[in-house]
């Protein structure tokens, strides 16, 4: 039976990860907030050594495995950022990494994953098909599997972001989190709601992959046809089995964001905050630009 991570697991992850990751700052986005009438803070996880938050979960899980468990190598599938985080973790631990990536993965993410020493297998199929192939390879070669969003230790690693937000901005009112497989938001929501239950947690999901939005509407996990979105890091057709109940418990609201607003969010971050963010990381600003989130004037958003 799955046991979702608790605040204690997330704090354990903080201690485990402290020597290896960056406690990224919260940056006050004064130029951006002028358009919205509330204080807005940005959490620039692109400052992590692999350029994304995924290193937190990948490394927390990898450091928790025994030498025997990882002796032959570690394997996963990913749209790119988890791949780079896991490849970095494997390189640090001196073990082999195998990443099964969709053929649609941006070339730069493939190149970065290979540069970290990983073996990359390109696969033409949806998320379920790719994971099926991962499990087949893992069983055949006795590799340890590090799931991008179903694993509680991965969720706990991502949840350290929530702890950092609360430490750095005690009066935060609302936290907006991108939604892909659900590992990030389930970890962050757990950290926030089990520490400061009054803080609002909002999930931002691409309108072209609205699996969590419709799952909430239908009151059950709902699989949808896989469509292309500019936010490739959030492109998944079915909610994670383990993140889903956590999200239903702790996430206050889920909003959909069209690609045009995600692009506008990227441009605003570059122009007004001087941050170069990929589409998936820009969806929160995109949600604000679309007017999809009810703002509490002069409150603090992260």
Protein backbone atom coordinates (compact mmCIF):
# COMPACT_ATOMS: atom_id res chain seq x y z
CA UNK A 1 0.00 0.00 0.00
CA UNK A 2 1.32 3.45 -0.93
CA UNK A 3 2.16 5.80 1.91
CA UNK A 4 2.33 9.40 0.82
CA UNK A 5 5.22 11.52 2.13
CA UNK A 6 4.73 13.53 5.30
CA UNK A 7 6.31 16.78 6.43
CA UNK A 8 8.79 14.64 8.39
CA UNK A 9 9.87 12.87 5.20
CA UNK A 10 10.30 16.23 3.48
CA UNK A 11 12.39 17.63 6.32
CA UNK A 12 14.52 14.46 6.23
CA UNK A 13 14.97 15.11 2.51
CA UNK A 14 16.08 18.67 3.26
CA UNK A 15 18.89 17.39 5.48
CA UNK A 16 19.86 14.70 2.97
CA UNK A 17 19.99 17.13 0.07
CA UNK A 18 21.58 20.09 1.85
CA UNK A 19 25.19 19.34 0.74
CA UNK A 20 24.20 18.86 -2.90
CA UNK A 21 21.48 21.30 -4.00
CA UNK A 22 20.90 25.03 -3.89
CA UNK A 23 18.38 26.64 -1.57
CA UNK A 24 17.12 28.89 -4.35
CA UNK A 25 16.09 32.41 -3.35
CA UNK A 26 12.63 33.93 -3.53
CA UNK A 27 12.95 36.91 -5.86
CA UNK A 28 10.54 39.81 -5.46
CA UNK A 29 9.14 40.50 -8.95
CA UNK A 30 8.32 44.18 -8.53
CA UNK A 31 7.96 44.96 -12.24
CA UNK A 32 5.62 42.01 -12.74
CA UNK A 33 3.52 42.62 -9.65
CA UNK A 34 2.73 46.15 -10.76
CA UNK A 35 0.32 44.60 -13.27
CA UNK A 36 -1.51 42.56 -10.64
CA UNK A 37 -1.69 44.64 -7.47
CA UNK A 38 -0.15 42.07 -5.16
CA UNK A 39 3.35 41.06 -4.13
CA UNK A 40 4.78 38.31 -6.35
CA UNK A 41 7.86 36.23 -5.60
CA UNK A 42 9.60 33.89 -8.03
CA UNK A 43 11.37 30.66 -7.07
CA UNK A 44 14.09 30.30 -9.77
CA UNK A 45 14.77 26.58 -9.80
CA UNK A 46 16.60 27.01 -13.11
CA UNK A 47 19.53 27.94 -10.84
CA UNK A 48 19.89 24.29 -9.81
CA UNK A 49 22.95 22.64 -11.35
CA UNK A 50 20.79 20.72 -13.86
CA UNK A 51 18.60 23.73 -14.57
CA UNK A 52 15.39 22.42 -12.93
CA UNK A 53 13.84 21.34 -9.62
CA UNK A 54 13.86 17.68 -10.68
CA UNK A 55 17.32 17.14 -9.21
CA UNK A 56 15.77 17.38 -5.74
CA UNK A 57 13.56 14.31 -6.09
CA UNK A 58 15.95 12.29 -8.25
CA UNK A 59 18.80 12.82 -5.83
CA UNK A 60 16.73 12.25 -2.69
CA UNK A 61 15.60 8.87 -4.03
CA UNK A 62 19.03 7.88 -5.34
CA UNK A 63 20.75 8.74 -2.06
CA UNK A 64 18.18 6.60 -0.23
CA UNK A 65 18.97 3.46 -2.22
CA UNK A 66 21.56 0.94 -1.03
CA UNK A 67 24.79 0.24 -2.94
CA UNK A 68 23.44 -3.18 -3.86
CA UNK A 69 20.19 -1.70 -5.21
CA UNK A 70 22.02 0.66 -7.55
CA UNK A 71 25.00 -1.56 -8.36
CA UNK A 72 23.86 -2.30 -11.93
CA UNK A 73 22.43 1.15 -12.57
CA UNK A 74 19.32 3.32 -12.27
CA UNK A 75 16.62 3.81 -14.90
CA UNK A 76 13.60 6.03 -15.57
CA UNK A 77 11.64 7.73 -18.30
CA UNK A 78 11.20 11.47 -18.53
CA UNK A 79 10.44 14.35 -20.85
CA UNK A 80 13.92 15.67 -20.05
CA UNK A 81 14.36 17.38 -16.69
CA UNK A 82 13.99 14.28 -14.49
CA UNK A 83 16.38 12.57 -16.91
CA UNK A 84 19.02 15.21 -16.32
CA UNK A 85 18.48 15.14 -12.55
CA UNK A 86 18.80 11.36 -12.44
CA UNK A 87 21.81 11.34 -14.76
CA UNK A 88 23.51 13.84 -12.47
CA UNK A 89 22.67 11.75 -9.39
CA UNK A 90 24.05 8.61 -11.04
CA UNK A 91 27.24 10.37 -12.09
CA UNK A 92 27.70 11.67 -8.55
CA UNK A 93 27.22 8.17 -7.14
CA UNK A 94 29.42 6.56 -9.78
CA UNK A 95 26.75 4.29 -11.26
CA UNK A 96 25.19 3.79 -14.68
CA UNK A 97 22.01 5.65 -15.69
CA UNK A 98 19.59 4.68 -18.43
CA UNK A 99 16.91 7.15 -19.54
CA UNK A 100 14.04 6.29 -21.86
CA UNK A 101 13.01 9.59 -23.46
CA UNK A 102 10.11 10.33 -25.81
CA UNK A 103 11.11 11.04 -29.40
CA UNK A 104 9.58 14.52 -28.95
CA UNK A 105 12.13 15.46 -26.25
CA UNK A 106 13.88 18.74 -27.13
CA UNK A 107 17.35 18.06 -28.56
CA UNK A 108 19.01 20.24 -25.93
CA UNK A 109 17.60 18.06 -23.12
CA UNK A 110 18.77 14.89 -24.88
CA UNK A 111 22.24 16.37 -25.34
CA UNK A 112 22.42 17.53 -21.72
CA UNK A 113 21.37 14.09 -20.46
CA UNK A 114 24.00 12.36 -22.58
CA UNK A 115 26.62 14.89 -21.46
CA UNK A 116 26.05 13.74 -17.89
CA UNK A 117 27.04 10.22 -18.93
CA UNK A 118 23.60 8.66 -19.31
CA UNK A 119 22.59 6.07 -21.86
CA UNK A 120 19.60 7.53 -23.72
CA UNK A 121 16.95 5.39 -25.41
CA UNK A 122 14.47 7.29 -27.58
CA UNK A 123 11.00 5.76 -27.55
CA UNK A 124 7.93 6.54 -29.65
CA UNK A 125 4.95 6.07 -27.36
CA UNK A 126 2.89 7.66 -24.60
CA UNK A 127 3.85 7.81 -20.93
CA UNK A 128 2.27 4.44 -20.06
CA UNK A 129 4.04 2.70 -22.94
CA UNK A 130 7.37 4.25 -21.99
CA UNK A 131 7.02 3.13 -18.37
CA UNK A 132 6.12 -0.37 -19.52
CA UNK A 133 9.38 -0.44 -21.46
CA UNK A 134 11.31 0.89 -18.44
CA UNK A 135 10.00 -1.92 -16.23
CA UNK A 136 10.91 -4.50 -18.88
CA UNK A 137 14.49 -3.23 -19.14
CA UNK A 138 14.82 -2.89 -15.36
CA UNK A 139 13.72 -6.48 -14.78
CA UNK A 140 16.02 -7.80 -17.49
CA UNK A 141 19.10 -5.91 -16.29
CA UNK A 142 18.34 -5.54 -12.55
CA UNK A 143 18.30 -1.75 -12.61
CA UNK A 144 16.80 0.38 -9.82
CA UNK A 145 13.78 2.39 -10.97
CA UNK A 146 13.42 6.04 -9.95
CA UNK A 147 9.93 7.14 -10.95
CA UNK A 148 9.59 10.81 -11.84
CA UNK A 149 6.42 11.40 -9.80
CA UNK A 150 4.97 8.20 -8.29
CA UNK A 151 7.78 7.59 -5.78
CA UNK A 152 7.23 9.06 -2.28
CA UNK A 153 10.95 9.84 -1.87
CA UNK A 154 10.90 11.76 -5.14
CA UNK A 155 7.81 13.68 -3.96
CA UNK A 156 9.56 14.41 -0.65
CA UNK A 157 12.56 15.79 -2.50
CA UNK A 158 10.36 18.11 -4.56
CA UNK A 159 8.51 19.08 -1.38
CA UNK A 160 11.66 20.73 -0.01
CA UNK A 161 10.71 23.66 -2.25
CA UNK A 162 7.60 24.17 -0.13
CA UNK A 163 9.66 24.22 3.07
CA UNK A 164 12.02 26.79 1.58
CA UNK A 165 9.12 29.03 0.55
CA UNK A 166 7.68 29.00 4.07
CA UNK A 167 11.10 29.67 5.59
CA UNK A 168 11.81 32.60 3.30
CA UNK A 169 8.33 34.18 3.15
CA UNK A 170 6.43 33.61 6.37
CA UNK A 171 3.45 35.70 5.29
CA UNK A 172 2.91 33.99 1.93
CA UNK A 173 -0.76 33.83 1.01
CA UNK A 174 -0.82 31.68 -2.14
CA UNK A 175 1.61 29.32 -3.87
CA UNK A 176 1.12 28.53 -7.58
CA UNK A 177 2.68 25.28 -8.80
CA UNK A 178 2.98 23.77 -12.31
CA UNK A 179 1.22 20.41 -12.78
CA UNK A 180 2.66 17.62 -14.91
CA UNK A 181 2.77 14.13 -13.44
CA UNK A 182 1.96 15.59 -10.02
CA UNK A 183 5.14 14.85 -8.05
CA UNK A 184 6.10 18.50 -7.64
CA UNK A 185 2.74 19.81 -6.50
CA UNK A 186 2.02 16.82 -4.25
CA UNK A 187 5.34 17.36 -2.45
CA UNK A 188 4.98 21.13 -2.17
CA UNK A 189 1.33 20.93 -1.11
CA UNK A 190 2.18 18.39 1.59
CA UNK A 191 4.97 20.60 2.95
CA UNK A 192 2.74 23.68 2.99
CA UNK A 193 -0.55 22.23 4.21
CA UNK A 194 1.08 20.18 6.98
CA UNK A 195 2.95 23.29 8.17
CA UNK A 196 0.70 26.25 7.34
CA UNK A 197 -2.78 24.98 6.37
CA UNK A 198 -4.16 28.45 5.68
CA UNK A 199 -1.79 29.03 2.74
CA UNK A 200 -3.62 28.52 -0.55
CA UNK A 201 -2.06 26.06 -3.03
CA UNK A 202 -3.09 26.39 -6.68
CA UNK A 203 -2.10 24.02 -9.47
CA UNK A 204 -1.55 25.42 -12.98
CA UNK A 205 -2.07 22.91 -15.78
CA UNK A 206 -1.79 23.33 -19.58
CA UNK A 207 -5.22 23.58 -21.17
CA UNK A 208 -4.09 21.02 -23.74
CA UNK A 209 -3.32 18.38 -21.08
CA UNK A 210 -6.00 18.97 -18.43
CA UNK A 211 -5.85 15.53 -16.78
CA UNK A 212 -5.96 16.72 -13.15
CA UNK A 213 -8.56 19.40 -13.87
CA UNK A 214 -10.99 16.88 -15.37
CA UNK A 215 -10.13 14.21 -12.83
CA UNK A 216 -11.26 16.58 -10.11
CA UNK A 217 -14.37 17.44 -12.08
CA UNK A 218 -15.16 13.73 -12.65
CA UNK A 219 -14.17 12.75 -9.08
CA UNK A 220 -11.88 10.01 -10.42
CA UNK A 221 -8.57 9.73 -12.27
CA UNK A 222 -9.34 10.52 -15.89
CA UNK A 223 -7.11 9.71 -18.86
CA UNK A 224 -7.24 12.10 -21.82
CA UNK A 225 -5.85 11.98 -25.37
CA UNK A 226 -2.25 13.19 -25.44
CA UNK A 227 -1.99 16.56 -27.20
CA UNK A 228 1.05 18.68 -27.90
CA UNK A 229 1.62 21.71 -25.69
CA UNK A 230 4.51 24.13 -25.64
CA UNK A 231 4.95 23.13 -21.98
CA UNK A 232 6.47 19.75 -22.89
CA UNK A 233 7.57 19.15 -19.30
CA UNK A 234 3.90 19.01 -18.25
CA UNK A 235 2.69 16.88 -21.17
CA UNK A 236 1.15 13.79 -19.57
CA UNK A 237 -2.20 12.20 -20.43
CA UNK A 238 -3.17 10.60 -17.10
CA UNK A 239 -2.77 11.77 -13.47
CA UNK A 240 -0.21 10.00 -11.33
CA UNK A 241 -1.78 7.24 -9.28
CA UNK A 242 0.01 8.21 -6.07
CA UNK A 243 0.02 12.01 -6.44
CA UNK A 244 -3.72 12.10 -7.26
CA UNK A 245 -5.11 11.53 -3.72
CA UNK A 246 -2.56 13.96 -2.25
CA UNK A 247 -3.56 16.62 -4.75
CA UNK A 248 -7.25 16.03 -4.01
CA UNK A 249 -6.53 16.41 -0.30
CA UNK A 250 -4.22 19.41 -0.30
CA UNK A 251 -4.53 21.44 -3.54
CA UNK A 252 -7.20 24.11 -3.22
CA UNK A 253 -7.72 24.89 -6.88
CA UNK A 254 -6.62 23.76 -10.35
CA UNK A 255 -6.60 26.24 -13.24
CA UNK A 256 -6.03 25.68 -16.96
CA UNK A 257 -3.66 27.85 -18.97
CA UNK A 258 -3.63 28.17 -22.76
CA UNK A 259 -0.30 27.95 -24.59
CA UNK A 260 -0.57 31.61 -25.65
CA UNK A 261 -0.59 32.70 -22.01
CA UNK A 262 2.30 30.36 -21.16
CA UNK A 263 4.33 32.03 -23.93
CA UNK A 264 3.32 35.45 -22.60
CA UNK A 265 4.50 34.35 -19.16
CA UNK A 266 7.90 33.35 -20.58
CA UNK A 267 8.23 36.74 -22.23
CA UNK A 268 7.25 38.59 -19.07
CA UNK A 269 9.80 36.64 -17.00
CA UNK A 270 12.53 37.42 -19.52
CA UNK A 271 11.60 41.08 -19.94
CA UNK A 272 10.69 42.08 -16.40
CA UNK A 273 12.57 39.60 -14.19
CA UNK A 274 15.55 38.83 -16.47
CA UNK A 275 14.91 35.09 -15.99
CA UNK A 276 15.08 32.68 -18.91
CA UNK A 277 12.48 30.06 -18.01
CA UNK A 278 11.18 27.14 -20.04
CA UNK A 279 7.43 27.00 -20.79
CA UNK A 280 6.57 24.59 -17.95
CA UNK A 281 8.19 26.94 -15.43
CA UNK A 282 6.31 29.95 -16.85
CA UNK A 283 2.81 28.58 -16.47
CA UNK A 284 2.19 30.24 -13.09
CA UNK A 285 2.75 33.72 -14.52
CA UNK A 286 0.71 32.62 -17.52
CA UNK A 287 -2.18 31.77 -15.21
CA UNK A 288 -2.04 35.24 -13.68
CA UNK A 289 -1.92 36.89 -17.11
CA UNK A 290 -4.94 34.85 -18.21
CA UNK A 291 -6.89 36.09 -15.19
CA UNK A 292 -7.56 32.53 -14.09
CA UNK A 293 -6.65 33.13 -10.46
CA UNK A 294 -8.61 35.35 -8.11
CA UNK A 295 -6.11 37.73 -6.57
CA UNK A 296 -6.16 38.95 -3.00
CA UNK A 297 -4.90 42.49 -3.46
CA UNK A 298 -1.61 43.27 -1.71
CA UNK A 299 -1.23 39.64 -0.58
CA UNK A 300 1.93 37.65 -1.26
CA UNK A 301 2.14 35.10 -4.06
CA UNK A 302 4.98 32.66 -4.79
